[in-house]
Structure formats: structure tokens, C-alpha cells
Amino acid sequence: MRIAIVGPCGSGKTVLVNGLKQHDYLARQIAQEHSFVQDMWQVLTKPDILIYLDATYETCTERKALNWKQHEYTEQLRRVSHAREPCDIYLSTDDLSTEQVLKEILDQLQAISS
């Protein structure tokens, strides 16, 4: 099963990909938030499962120590918006630890597979 993960910078994509790979999932982070190609997630992976990780501007800025402005975050959200509606799994990561995010996604992947 091919898994694509999209979301704004700091939402937890890289950490989730690494965790899923440790559980033998074929997962790939798509840098959709940096691309003007709105369906980049489809072009690069043709995923069986699309995961959208979300986080607020404040959370993303804190996690990555980003020196960006609200309008830059808003632009990232616009760039990933094409992937949000058709996603199979949506998760807001604001109040979750990396372990909680991985557990929640693993649980949802198991539910989808059943």
C-alpha cells in the first residue's frame, strides 16, 4: 500500500513517514506545500492512501522554529488544499505528541485495511 502524506511545514510529516516505515509501510512525504503544482501528491505517488496532517500557524512555527509570517503559512495551506478534500485520513496534530500521531495513524490505517 502506497501512502502519501501532505500538510504544512511543521505538521509532522517527516516524523510520521519515519514511524510508518518502521512499521513496514511504504510512506512518502510530499512537499506539496512548496509546489505550485496542485496535484503534485497524485503525480509523484499515485497513493492508495492519502494522509493530510494539519497544524496551526502557531504550532508549526514553534515546532520548526520557523521565521515565517502568517501569509506564508496561509499560502502553504492554499497549496495543499487540493489534497485536503480527497484525503483518506485527516489529523490535526496540534495537541498530539509524535507518538500519539503515529498511533492514531496506525489505528486508522488498520481500520481502513479491515
N, C-alpha and C. Protein backbone atom coordinates (compact mmCIF):
# COMPACT_ATOMS: atom_id res chain seq x y z
N MET A 1 0.84 -1.17 0.00
CA MET A 1 0.00 0.00 0.00
C MET A 1 0.89 1.24 0.00
N ARG A 2 0.71 2.10 -0.99
CA ARG A 2 1.46 3.36 -1.09
C ARG A 2 0.73 4.45 -0.33
N ILE A 3 1.47 5.14 0.54
CA ILE A 3 0.89 6.20 1.37
C ILE A 3 1.59 7.51 1.07
N ALA A 4 0.81 8.54 0.80
CA ALA A 4 1.34 9.89 0.61
C ALA A 4 0.88 10.74 1.79
N ILE A 5 1.78 11.61 2.26
CA ILE A 5 1.47 12.46 3.40
C ILE A 5 1.71 13.91 3.00
N VAL A 6 0.69 14.74 3.19
CA VAL A 6 0.80 16.16 2.89
C VAL A 6 0.39 16.97 4.11
N GLY A 7 0.76 18.25 4.09
CA GLY A 7 0.41 19.17 5.16
C GLY A 7 1.41 20.30 5.19
N PRO A 8 1.14 21.32 5.98
CA PRO A 8 2.07 22.45 6.06
C PRO A 8 3.37 22.06 6.78
N CYS A 9 4.40 22.86 6.59
CA CYS A 9 5.68 22.65 7.29
C CYS A 9 5.42 22.65 8.79
N GLY A 10 5.95 21.65 9.47
CA GLY A 10 5.80 21.59 10.91
C GLY A 10 4.61 20.79 11.39
N SER A 11 3.86 20.21 10.47
CA SER A 11 2.68 19.45 10.88
C SER A 11 3.02 18.03 11.33
N GLY A 12 4.24 17.55 11.00
CA GLY A 12 4.67 16.24 11.46
C GLY A 12 4.87 15.21 10.37
N LYS A 13 4.94 15.63 9.13
CA LYS A 13 5.04 14.70 8.01
C LYS A 13 6.29 13.83 8.06
N THR A 14 7.43 14.44 8.25
CA THR A 14 8.70 13.70 8.24
C THR A 14 8.74 12.66 9.35
N VAL A 15 8.36 13.06 10.53
CA VAL A 15 8.36 12.14 11.68
C VAL A 15 7.39 10.99 11.43
N LEU A 16 6.23 11.30 10.87
CA LEU A 16 5.25 10.24 10.58
C LEU A 16 5.77 9.27 9.53
N VAL A 17 6.37 9.78 8.47
CA VAL A 17 6.93 8.90 7.44
C VAL A 17 7.93 7.94 8.05
N ASN A 18 8.82 8.46 8.88
CA ASN A 18 9.83 7.61 9.52
C ASN A 18 9.17 6.55 10.41
N GLY A 19 8.15 6.93 11.15
CA GLY A 19 7.45 5.98 12.00
C GLY A 19 6.72 4.91 11.20
N LEU A 20 6.07 5.31 10.12
CA LEU A 20 5.36 4.34 9.29
C LEU A 20 6.33 3.36 8.63
N LYS A 21 7.47 3.85 8.21
CA LYS A 21 8.47 2.97 7.60
C LYS A 21 8.96 1.92 8.59
N GLN A 22 9.05 2.28 9.87
CA GLN A 22 9.44 1.32 10.90
C GLN A 22 8.39 0.23 11.09
N HIS A 23 7.16 0.51 10.63
CA HIS A 23 6.08 -0.48 10.69
C HIS A 23 5.83 -1.09 9.31
N ASP A 24 6.83 -0.99 8.44
CA ASP A 24 6.82 -1.60 7.10
C ASP A 24 5.76 -1.03 6.16
N TYR A 25 5.40 0.23 6.33
CA TYR A 25 4.52 0.90 5.38
C TYR A 25 5.37 1.64 4.36
N LEU A 26 4.92 1.67 3.14
CA LEU A 26 5.57 2.42 2.07
C LEU A 26 4.98 3.82 2.08
N ALA A 27 5.63 4.72 2.81
CA ALA A 27 5.11 6.07 3.00
C ALA A 27 6.07 7.10 2.43
N ARG A 28 5.50 8.16 1.91
CA ARG A 28 6.30 9.24 1.32
C ARG A 28 5.70 10.59 1.68
N GLN A 29 6.56 11.48 2.12
CA GLN A 29 6.17 12.86 2.37
C GLN A 29 6.17 13.58 1.02
N ILE A 30 5.12 14.31 0.75
CA ILE A 30 5.04 15.09 -0.48
C ILE A 30 5.19 16.56 -0.09
N ALA A 31 6.15 17.24 -0.68
CA ALA A 31 6.39 18.65 -0.35
C ALA A 31 5.42 19.54 -1.12
N GLN A 32 4.17 19.16 -1.07
CA GLN A 32 3.10 19.88 -1.77
C GLN A 32 3.04 21.35 -1.35
N GLU A 33 3.36 21.62 -0.10
CA GLU A 33 3.25 22.99 0.41
C GLU A 33 4.24 23.94 -0.24
N HIS A 34 5.24 23.40 -0.94
CA HIS A 34 6.24 24.22 -1.61
C HIS A 34 6.05 24.25 -3.12
N SER A 35 5.02 23.60 -3.61
CA SER A 35 4.84 23.44 -5.04
C SER A 35 3.64 24.24 -5.55
N PHE A 36 3.77 24.71 -6.78
CA PHE A 36 2.64 25.36 -7.43
C PHE A 36 1.82 24.34 -8.22
N VAL A 37 2.27 23.08 -8.24
CA VAL A 37 1.53 22.02 -8.92
C VAL A 37 0.54 21.45 -7.92
N GLN A 38 -0.74 21.78 -8.08
CA GLN A 38 -1.71 21.44 -7.05
C GLN A 38 -1.97 19.96 -6.87
N ASP A 39 -1.72 19.16 -7.88
CA ASP A 39 -1.93 17.72 -7.73
C ASP A 39 -0.61 16.96 -7.66
N MET A 40 0.42 17.63 -7.15
CA MET A 40 1.74 17.00 -7.04
C MET A 40 1.69 15.68 -6.29
N TRP A 41 0.86 15.59 -5.27
CA TRP A 41 0.73 14.36 -4.48
C TRP A 41 0.26 13.20 -5.35
N GLN A 42 -0.55 13.47 -6.35
CA GLN A 42 -1.02 12.42 -7.25
C GLN A 42 0.05 12.07 -8.28
N VAL A 43 0.72 13.08 -8.78
CA VAL A 43 1.73 12.88 -9.82
C VAL A 43 2.91 12.07 -9.29
N LEU A 44 3.36 12.40 -8.08
CA LEU A 44 4.55 11.74 -7.54
C LEU A 44 4.31 10.33 -7.01
N THR A 45 3.13 10.07 -6.48
CA THR A 45 2.96 8.77 -5.82
C THR A 45 1.81 7.92 -6.30
N LYS A 46 0.75 8.53 -6.78
CA LYS A 46 -0.47 7.77 -7.07
C LYS A 46 -0.78 6.88 -5.85
N PRO A 47 -1.01 7.53 -4.71
CA PRO A 47 -1.13 6.78 -3.46
C PRO A 47 -2.42 5.98 -3.36
N ASP A 48 -2.33 4.90 -2.60
CA ASP A 48 -3.53 4.15 -2.22
C ASP A 48 -4.22 4.85 -1.06
N ILE A 49 -3.42 5.49 -0.22
CA ILE A 49 -3.93 6.21 0.95
C ILE A 49 -3.28 7.59 0.98
N LEU A 50 -4.10 8.62 1.15
CA LEU A 50 -3.60 9.98 1.28
C LEU A 50 -3.89 10.46 2.71
N ILE A 51 -2.83 10.87 3.40
CA ILE A 51 -2.95 11.38 4.77
C ILE A 51 -2.67 12.87 4.75
N TYR A 52 -3.56 13.62 5.37
CA TYR A 52 -3.38 15.07 5.49
C TYR A 52 -3.15 15.39 6.96
N LEU A 53 -1.95 15.86 7.28
CA LEU A 53 -1.64 16.30 8.63
C LEU A 53 -1.81 17.82 8.68
N ASP A 54 -2.48 18.28 9.70
CA ASP A 54 -2.76 19.70 9.84
C ASP A 54 -2.20 20.19 11.16
N ALA A 55 -1.86 21.46 11.22
CA ALA A 55 -1.43 22.11 12.45
C ALA A 55 -1.57 23.62 12.25
N THR A 56 -1.79 24.31 13.32
CA THR A 56 -1.97 25.76 13.24
C THR A 56 -0.64 26.46 12.96
N TYR A 57 -0.74 27.70 12.57
CA TYR A 57 0.44 28.53 12.33
C TYR A 57 1.33 28.56 13.57
N GLU A 58 0.72 28.73 14.72
CA GLU A 58 1.49 28.81 15.96
C GLU A 58 2.24 27.51 16.24
N THR A 59 1.57 26.39 16.07
CA THR A 59 2.21 25.09 16.31
C THR A 59 3.34 24.85 15.33
N CYS A 60 3.09 25.09 14.05
CA CYS A 60 4.12 24.86 13.03
C CYS A 60 5.34 25.74 13.29
N THR A 61 5.10 26.99 13.62
CA THR A 61 6.20 27.92 13.87
C THR A 61 7.02 27.48 15.07
N GLU A 62 6.35 27.03 16.11
CA GLU A 62 7.05 26.58 17.32
C GLU A 62 7.86 25.31 17.07
N ARG A 63 7.26 24.35 16.39
CA ARG A 63 7.93 23.07 16.16
C ARG A 63 9.19 23.20 15.31
N LYS A 64 9.13 24.03 14.30
CA LYS A 64 10.24 24.12 13.35
C LYS A 64 11.10 25.36 13.57
N ALA A 65 10.76 26.17 14.58
CA ALA A 65 11.47 27.44 14.81
C ALA A 65 11.53 28.23 13.51
N LEU A 66 10.39 28.28 12.83
CA LEU A 66 10.30 28.97 11.54
C LEU A 66 10.22 30.47 11.74
N ASN A 67 10.87 31.18 10.88
CA ASN A 67 10.83 32.63 10.91
C ASN A 67 9.97 33.09 9.73
N TRP A 68 8.74 32.66 9.74
CA TRP A 68 7.86 33.00 8.64
C TRP A 68 6.68 33.81 9.15
N LYS A 69 5.95 34.35 8.21
CA LYS A 69 4.80 35.20 8.51
C LYS A 69 3.52 34.42 8.27
N GLN A 70 2.44 34.91 8.85
CA GLN A 70 1.13 34.26 8.72
C GLN A 70 0.76 34.07 7.25
N HIS A 71 1.04 35.05 6.40
CA HIS A 71 0.66 34.94 4.98
C HIS A 71 1.42 33.80 4.29
N GLU A 72 2.64 33.49 4.74
CA GLU A 72 3.38 32.37 4.16
C GLU A 72 2.75 31.03 4.55
N TYR A 73 2.30 30.94 5.79
CA TYR A 73 1.57 29.74 6.25
C TYR A 73 0.27 29.60 5.47
N THR A 74 -0.44 30.69 5.33
CA THR A 74 -1.71 30.68 4.59
C THR A 74 -1.50 30.22 3.16
N GLU A 75 -0.40 30.64 2.56
CA GLU A 75 -0.08 30.21 1.19
C GLU A 75 0.20 28.71 1.15
N GLN A 76 0.87 28.18 2.16
CA GLN A 76 1.09 26.74 2.21
C GLN A 76 -0.25 26.00 2.29
N LEU A 77 -1.16 26.50 3.11
CA LEU A 77 -2.48 25.86 3.22
C LEU A 77 -3.20 25.87 1.87
N ARG A 78 -3.06 26.97 1.13
CA ARG A 78 -3.69 27.05 -0.19
C ARG A 78 -3.09 25.99 -1.11
N ARG A 79 -1.78 25.81 -1.03
CA ARG A 79 -1.09 24.86 -1.91
C ARG A 79 -1.43 23.40 -1.59
N VAL A 80 -1.76 23.11 -0.36
CA VAL A 80 -2.12 21.73 -0.01
C VAL A 80 -3.63 21.50 -0.01
N SER A 81 -4.40 22.55 -0.26
CA SER A 81 -5.86 22.43 -0.19
C SER A 81 -6.42 21.41 -1.19
N HIS A 82 -5.76 21.23 -2.32
CA HIS A 82 -6.20 20.26 -3.33
C HIS A 82 -6.18 18.84 -2.77
N ALA A 83 -5.33 18.59 -1.78
CA ALA A 83 -5.20 17.26 -1.19
C ALA A 83 -6.09 17.07 0.04
N ARG A 84 -6.61 18.14 0.59
CA ARG A 84 -7.36 18.00 1.84
C ARG A 84 -8.72 17.32 1.64
N GLU A 85 -9.44 17.74 0.64
CA GLU A 85 -10.78 17.17 0.44
C GLU A 85 -10.77 15.67 0.14
N PRO A 86 -9.91 15.19 -0.75
CA PRO A 86 -9.94 13.76 -1.07
C PRO A 86 -9.14 12.88 -0.11
N CYS A 87 -8.55 13.46 0.95
CA CYS A 87 -7.69 12.64 1.81
C CYS A 87 -8.49 11.51 2.46
N ASP A 88 -7.82 10.42 2.69
CA ASP A 88 -8.43 9.27 3.36
C ASP A 88 -8.36 9.41 4.87
N ILE A 89 -7.31 10.06 5.34
CA ILE A 89 -7.13 10.28 6.78
C ILE A 89 -6.74 11.73 6.99
N TYR A 90 -7.48 12.41 7.84
CA TYR A 90 -7.16 13.79 8.23
C TYR A 90 -6.86 13.78 9.72
N LEU A 91 -5.78 14.45 10.11
CA LEU A 91 -5.44 14.52 11.53
C LEU A 91 -4.82 15.87 11.86
N SER A 92 -5.42 16.54 12.83
CA SER A 92 -4.83 17.75 13.38
C SER A 92 -3.83 17.31 14.45
N THR A 93 -2.59 17.76 14.31
CA THR A 93 -1.53 17.29 15.20
C THR A 93 -1.18 18.29 16.31
N ASP A 94 -1.90 19.38 16.40
CA ASP A 94 -1.57 20.45 17.35
C ASP A 94 -1.34 19.95 18.77
N ASP A 95 -2.25 19.16 19.28
CA ASP A 95 -2.20 18.75 20.68
C ASP A 95 -1.69 17.33 20.88
N LEU A 96 -1.03 16.79 19.87
CA LEU A 96 -0.57 15.40 19.94
C LEU A 96 0.95 15.31 19.92
N SER A 97 1.48 14.36 20.67
CA SER A 97 2.91 14.07 20.60
C SER A 97 3.18 13.27 19.33
N THR A 98 4.43 13.13 18.97
CA THR A 98 4.76 12.34 17.78
C THR A 98 4.31 10.90 17.94
N GLU A 99 4.41 10.37 19.15
CA GLU A 99 3.96 9.01 19.41
C GLU A 99 2.44 8.89 19.26
N GLN A 100 1.72 9.89 19.70
CA GLN A 100 0.26 9.86 19.58
C GLN A 100 -0.17 9.96 18.11
N VAL A 101 0.53 10.80 17.35
CA VAL A 101 0.22 10.91 15.92
C VAL A 101 0.43 9.56 15.24
N LEU A 102 1.56 8.92 15.48
CA LEU A 102 1.84 7.63 14.86
C LEU A 102 0.79 6.61 15.26
N LYS A 103 0.46 6.53 16.53
CA LYS A 103 -0.54 5.56 16.99
C LYS A 103 -1.89 5.81 16.33
N GLU A 104 -2.31 7.05 16.26
CA GLU A 104 -3.60 7.39 15.65
C GLU A 104 -3.62 7.00 14.17
N ILE A 105 -2.55 7.30 13.47
CA ILE A 105 -2.49 6.96 12.04
C ILE A 105 -2.44 5.45 11.85
N LEU A 106 -1.65 4.75 12.66
CA LEU A 106 -1.61 3.28 12.56
C LEU A 106 -2.98 2.68 12.82
N ASP A 107 -3.69 3.20 13.82
CA ASP A 107 -5.04 2.70 14.11
C ASP A 107 -5.97 2.94 12.92
N GLN A 108 -5.88 4.13 12.32
CA GLN A 108 -6.76 4.43 11.18
C GLN A 108 -6.39 3.61 9.95
N LEU A 109 -5.11 3.36 9.74
CA LEU A 109 -4.70 2.52 8.62
C LEU A 109 -5.19 1.09 8.80
N GLN A 110 -5.14 0.61 10.03
CA GLN A 110 -5.64 -0.73 10.31
C GLN A 110 -7.14 -0.81 10.07
N ALA A 111 -7.86 0.22 10.47
CA ALA A 111 -9.32 0.26 10.25
C ALA A 111 -9.65 0.26 8.75
N ILE A 112 -8.88 1.00 7.98
CA ILE A 112 -9.09 1.05 6.53
C ILE A 112 -8.82 -0.30 5.90
N SER A 113 -7.79 -0.99 6.38
CA SER A 113 -7.40 -2.29 5.82
C SER A 113 -8.35 -3.40 6.18
N SER A 114 -9.12 -3.22 7.26
CA SER A 114 -10.02 -4.28 7.73
C SER A 114 -11.26 -4.38 6.89
